[in-house]
Amino acid sequence: MLLEQHMEELRLELREAIDPAERREIEVELELARAEVAVIIAEEQGWATSEPPF
């Protein structure tokens, strides 16, 4: 839930950001959060594991 709240805050910040550099920084942070959610979902569904294969 905390990650979803963080993503929503980033979306709100992105809507209000005017400076291109600030927008890009927020977009990168939002993309990282989305990737983290994707990893969590993949691990929960057994598609991936965070442990090394050896």
PDB file of N, CA and C in Angstrom:
ATOM      1  N   MET A   1       0.822  -1.195   0.000  1.00  0.00           N
ATOM      2  CA  MET A   1       0.000   0.000   0.000  1.00  0.00           C
ATOM      3  C   MET A   1       0.863   1.256   0.000  1.00  0.00           C
ATOM      4  N   LEU A   2       1.951   1.237   0.729  1.00  0.00           N
ATOM      5  CA  LEU A   2       2.831   2.393   0.807  1.00  0.00           C
ATOM      6  C   LEU A   2       3.389   2.745  -0.563  1.00  0.00           C
ATOM      7  N   LEU A   3       3.772   1.750  -1.337  1.00  0.00           N
ATOM      8  CA  LEU A   3       4.310   1.980  -2.670  1.00  0.00           C
ATOM      9  C   LEU A   3       3.237   2.577  -3.588  1.00  0.00           C
ATOM     10  N   GLU A   4       2.023   2.103  -3.482  1.00  0.00           N
ATOM     11  CA  GLU A   4       0.935   2.655  -4.286  1.00  0.00           C
ATOM     12  C   GLU A   4       0.674   4.120  -3.927  1.00  0.00           C
ATOM     13  N   GLN A   5       0.757   4.463  -2.654  1.00  0.00           N
ATOM     14  CA  GLN A   5       0.580   5.848  -2.228  1.00  0.00           C
ATOM     15  C   GLN A   5       1.694   6.725  -2.790  1.00  0.00           C
ATOM     16  N   HIS A   6       2.908   6.206  -2.755  1.00  0.00           N
ATOM     17  CA  HIS A   6       4.050   6.941  -3.286  1.00  0.00           C
ATOM     18  C   HIS A   6       3.865   7.199  -4.780  1.00  0.00           C
ATOM     19  N   MET A   7       3.389   6.195  -5.505  1.00  0.00           N
ATOM     20  CA  MET A   7       3.152   6.347  -6.936  1.00  0.00           C
ATOM     21  C   MET A   7       2.070   7.399  -7.206  1.00  0.00           C
ATOM     22  N   GLU A   8       1.038   7.410  -6.410  1.00  0.00           N
ATOM     23  CA  GLU A   8      -0.019   8.399  -6.590  1.00  0.00           C
ATOM     24  C   GLU A   8       0.514   9.809  -6.326  1.00  0.00           C
ATOM     25  N   GLU A   9       1.352   9.959  -5.303  1.00  0.00           N
ATOM     26  CA  GLU A   9       1.958  11.258  -5.021  1.00  0.00           C
ATOM     27  C   GLU A   9       2.839  11.704  -6.186  1.00  0.00           C
ATOM     28  N   LEU A  10       3.573  10.774  -6.764  1.00  0.00           N
ATOM     29  CA  LEU A  10       4.413  11.107  -7.913  1.00  0.00           C
ATOM     30  C   LEU A  10       3.565  11.533  -9.101  1.00  0.00           C
ATOM     31  N   ARG A  11       2.461  10.867  -9.321  1.00  0.00           N
ATOM     32  CA  ARG A  11       1.562  11.247 -10.425  1.00  0.00           C
ATOM     33  C   ARG A  11       1.043  12.673 -10.227  1.00  0.00           C
ATOM     34  N   LEU A  12       0.676  12.995  -8.996  1.00  0.00           N
ATOM     35  CA  LEU A  12       0.193  14.351  -8.699  1.00  0.00           C
ATOM     36  C   LEU A  12       1.298  15.379  -8.919  1.00  0.00           C
ATOM     37  N   GLU A  13       2.500  15.072  -8.466  1.00  0.00           N
ATOM     38  CA  GLU A  13       3.631  15.975  -8.667  1.00  0.00           C
ATOM     39  C   GLU A  13       3.899  16.175 -10.157  1.00  0.00           C
ATOM     40  N   LEU A  14       3.799  15.095 -10.920  1.00  0.00           N
ATOM     41  CA  LEU A  14       4.063  15.157 -12.350  1.00  0.00           C
ATOM     42  C   LEU A  14       3.052  16.066 -13.052  1.00  0.00           C
ATOM     43  N   ARG A  15       1.815  16.004 -12.629  1.00  0.00           N
ATOM     44  CA  ARG A  15       0.784  16.858 -13.230  1.00  0.00           C
ATOM     45  C   ARG A  15       1.075  18.344 -13.010  1.00  0.00           C
ATOM     46  N   GLU A  16       1.692  18.657 -11.878  1.00  0.00           N
ATOM     47  CA  GLU A  16       1.928  20.053 -11.524  1.00  0.00           C
ATOM     48  C   GLU A  16       3.318  20.550 -11.905  1.00  0.00           C
ATOM     49  N   ALA A  17       4.210  19.657 -12.281  1.00  0.00           N
ATOM     50  CA  ALA A  17       5.586  20.048 -12.599  1.00  0.00           C
ATOM     51  C   ALA A  17       5.627  20.802 -13.924  1.00  0.00           C
ATOM     52  N   ILE A  18       6.345  21.896 -13.927  1.00  0.00           N
ATOM     53  CA  ILE A  18       6.480  22.713 -15.119  1.00  0.00           C
ATOM     54  C   ILE A  18       7.874  22.557 -15.727  1.00  0.00           C
ATOM     55  N   ASP A  19       8.868  22.548 -14.890  1.00  0.00           N
ATOM     56  CA  ASP A  19      10.256  22.458 -15.331  1.00  0.00           C
ATOM     57  C   ASP A  19      10.537  21.098 -15.976  1.00  0.00           C
ATOM     58  N   PRO A  20      11.075  21.066 -17.202  1.00  0.00           N
ATOM     59  CA  PRO A  20      11.337  19.786 -17.872  1.00  0.00           C
ATOM     60  C   PRO A  20      12.271  18.863 -17.095  1.00  0.00           C
ATOM     61  N   ALA A  21      13.272  19.416 -16.449  1.00  0.00           N
ATOM     62  CA  ALA A  21      14.205  18.588 -15.677  1.00  0.00           C
ATOM     63  C   ALA A  21      13.496  17.952 -14.486  1.00  0.00           C
ATOM     64  N   GLU A  22      12.645  18.724 -13.835  1.00  0.00           N
ATOM     65  CA  GLU A  22      11.879  18.197 -12.698  1.00  0.00           C
ATOM     66  C   GLU A  22      10.902  17.121 -13.173  1.00  0.00           C
ATOM     67  N   ARG A  23      10.252  17.370 -14.312  1.00  0.00           N
ATOM     68  CA  ARG A  23       9.315  16.379 -14.861  1.00  0.00           C
ATOM     69  C   ARG A  23      10.034  15.072 -15.147  1.00  0.00           C
ATOM     70  N   ARG A  24      11.219  15.154 -15.753  1.00  0.00           N
ATOM     71  CA  ARG A  24      11.967  13.942 -16.093  1.00  0.00           C
ATOM     72  C   ARG A  24      12.376  13.198 -14.832  1.00  0.00           C
ATOM     73  N   GLU A  25      12.792  13.923 -13.812  1.00  0.00           N
ATOM     74  CA  GLU A  25      13.175  13.293 -12.541  1.00  0.00           C
ATOM     75  C   GLU A  25      11.995  12.546 -11.930  1.00  0.00           C
ATOM     76  N   ILE A  26      10.829  13.151 -11.947  1.00  0.00           N
ATOM     77  CA  ILE A  26       9.625  12.518 -11.409  1.00  0.00           C
ATOM     78  C   ILE A  26       9.240  11.308 -12.255  1.00  0.00           C
ATOM     79  N   GLU A  27       9.341  11.444 -13.583  1.00  0.00           N
ATOM     80  CA  GLU A  27       9.016  10.323 -14.468  1.00  0.00           C
ATOM     81  C   GLU A  27       9.914   9.124 -14.197  1.00  0.00           C
ATOM     82  N   VAL A  28      11.212   9.383 -13.982  1.00  0.00           N
ATOM     83  CA  VAL A  28      12.155   8.296 -13.692  1.00  0.00           C
ATOM     84  C   VAL A  28      11.797   7.630 -12.370  1.00  0.00           C
ATOM     85  N   GLU A  29      11.507   8.425 -11.365  1.00  0.00           N
ATOM     86  CA  GLU A  29      11.146   7.866 -10.063  1.00  0.00           C
ATOM     87  C   GLU A  29       9.854   7.055 -10.152  1.00  0.00           C
ATOM     88  N   LEU A  30       8.906   7.529 -10.927  1.00  0.00           N
ATOM     89  CA  LEU A  30       7.648   6.809 -11.108  1.00  0.00           C
ATOM     90  C   LEU A  30       7.888   5.496 -11.841  1.00  0.00           C
ATOM     91  N   GLU A  31       8.748   5.510 -12.848  1.00  0.00           N
ATOM     92  CA  GLU A  31       9.064   4.291 -13.585  1.00  0.00           C
ATOM     93  C   GLU A  31       9.761   3.265 -12.685  1.00  0.00           C
ATOM     94  N   LEU A  32      10.630   3.722 -11.816  1.00  0.00           N
ATOM     95  CA  LEU A  32      11.282   2.814 -10.862  1.00  0.00           C
ATOM     96  C   LEU A  32      10.258   2.196  -9.913  1.00  0.00           C
ATOM     97  N   ALA A  33       9.317   2.990  -9.460  1.00  0.00           N
ATOM     98  CA  ALA A  33       8.276   2.471  -8.576  1.00  0.00           C
ATOM     99  C   ALA A  33       7.413   1.439  -9.304  1.00  0.00           C
ATOM    100  N   ARG A  34       7.097   1.710 -10.573  1.00  0.00           N
ATOM    101  CA  ARG A  34       6.320   0.742 -11.360  1.00  0.00           C
ATOM    102  C   ARG A  34       7.088  -0.565 -11.530  1.00  0.00           C
ATOM    103  N   ALA A  35       8.387  -0.454 -11.764  1.00  0.00           N
ATOM    104  CA  ALA A  35       9.214  -1.652 -11.917  1.00  0.00           C
ATOM    105  C   ALA A  35       9.255  -2.444 -10.617  1.00  0.00           C
ATOM    106  N   GLU A  36       9.323  -1.741  -9.503  1.00  0.00           N
ATOM    107  CA  GLU A  36       9.330  -2.420  -8.208  1.00  0.00           C
ATOM    108  C   GLU A  36       8.021  -3.178  -7.983  1.00  0.00           C
ATOM    109  N   VAL A  37       6.911  -2.569  -8.359  1.00  0.00           N
ATOM    110  CA  VAL A  37       5.612  -3.238  -8.245  1.00  0.00           C
ATOM    111  C   VAL A  37       5.584  -4.475  -9.145  1.00  0.00           C
ATOM    112  N   ALA A  38       6.116  -4.356 -10.349  1.00  0.00           N
ATOM    113  CA  ALA A  38       6.141  -5.495 -11.270  1.00  0.00           C
ATOM    114  C   ALA A  38       6.949  -6.650 -10.691  1.00  0.00           C
ATOM    115  N   VAL A  39       8.062  -6.352 -10.051  1.00  0.00           N
ATOM    116  CA  VAL A  39       8.880  -7.398  -9.433  1.00  0.00           C
ATOM    117  C   VAL A  39       8.119  -8.056  -8.288  1.00  0.00           C
ATOM    118  N   ILE A  40       7.471  -7.265  -7.473  1.00  0.00           N
ATOM    119  CA  ILE A  40       6.701  -7.803  -6.347  1.00  0.00           C
ATOM    120  C   ILE A  40       5.600  -8.731  -6.854  1.00  0.00           C
ATOM    121  N   ILE A  41       4.893  -8.307  -7.877  1.00  0.00           N
ATOM    122  CA  ILE A  41       3.821  -9.135  -8.437  1.00  0.00           C
ATOM    123  C   ILE A  41       4.391 -10.418  -9.017  1.00  0.00           C
ATOM    124  N   ALA A  42       5.491 -10.319  -9.746  1.00  0.00           N
ATOM    125  CA  ALA A  42       6.109 -11.511 -10.340  1.00  0.00           C
ATOM    126  C   ALA A  42       6.546 -12.494  -9.257  1.00  0.00           C
ATOM    127  N   GLU A  43       7.109 -11.999  -8.180  1.00  0.00           N
ATOM    128  CA  GLU A  43       7.527 -12.874  -7.083  1.00  0.00           C
ATOM    129  C   GLU A  43       6.324 -13.529  -6.414  1.00  0.00           C
ATOM    130  N   GLU A  44       5.250 -12.760  -6.214  1.00  0.00           N
ATOM    131  CA  GLU A  44       4.057 -13.303  -5.579  1.00  0.00           C
ATOM    132  C   GLU A  44       3.413 -14.394  -6.422  1.00  0.00           C
ATOM    133  N   GLN A  45       3.487 -14.244  -7.735  1.00  0.00           N
ATOM    134  CA  GLN A  45       2.856 -15.208  -8.622  1.00  0.00           C
ATOM    135  C   GLN A  45       3.808 -16.320  -9.048  1.00  0.00           C
ATOM    136  N   GLY A  46       5.019 -16.290  -8.516  1.00  0.00           N
ATOM    137  CA  GLY A  46       5.972 -17.346  -8.789  1.00  0.00           C
ATOM    138  C   GLY A  46       6.677 -17.245 -10.123  1.00  0.00           C
ATOM    139  N   TRP A  47       6.594 -16.098 -10.779  1.00  0.00           N
ATOM    140  CA  TRP A  47       7.256 -15.915 -12.066  1.00  0.00           C
ATOM    141  C   TRP A  47       8.734 -15.626 -11.900  1.00  0.00           C
ATOM    142  N   ALA A  48       9.098 -15.066 -10.768  1.00  0.00           N
ATOM    143  CA  ALA A  48      10.492 -14.683 -10.543  1.00  0.00           C
ATOM    144  C   ALA A  48      10.823 -14.891  -9.080  1.00  0.00           C
ATOM    145  N   THR A  49      12.095 -14.975  -8.816  1.00  0.00           N
ATOM    146  CA  THR A  49      12.567 -15.111  -7.439  1.00  0.00           C
ATOM    147  C   THR A  49      13.714 -14.129  -7.247  1.00  0.00           C
ATOM    148  N   SER A  50      13.818 -13.575  -6.083  1.00  0.00           N
ATOM    149  CA  SER A  50      14.884 -12.615  -5.812  1.00  0.00           C
ATOM    150  C   SER A  50      16.158 -13.306  -5.352  1.00  0.00           C
ATOM    151  N   GLU A  51      16.108 -14.619  -5.212  1.00  0.00           N
ATOM    152  CA  GLU A  51      17.274 -15.377  -4.803  1.00  0.00           C
ATOM    153  C   GLU A  51      18.095 -15.778  -6.030  1.00  0.00           C
ATOM    154  N   PRO A  52      19.424 -15.842  -5.895  1.00  0.00           N
ATOM    155  CA  PRO A  52      20.245 -16.253  -7.036  1.00  0.00           C
ATOM    156  C   PRO A  52      19.963 -17.716  -7.391  1.00  0.00           C
ATOM    157  N   PRO A  53      20.151 -18.096  -8.653  1.00  0.00           N
ATOM    158  CA  PRO A  53      19.807 -19.443  -9.098  1.00  0.00           C
ATOM    159  C   PRO A  53      20.775 -20.532  -8.638  1.00  0.00           C
ATOM    160  N   PHE A  54      21.866 -20.183  -8.005  1.00  0.00           N
ATOM    161  CA  PHE A  54      22.844 -21.186  -7.582  1.00  0.00           C
ATOM    162  C   PHE A  54      22.878 -21.384  -6.094  1.00  0.00           C
TER     163      PHE A  54
END
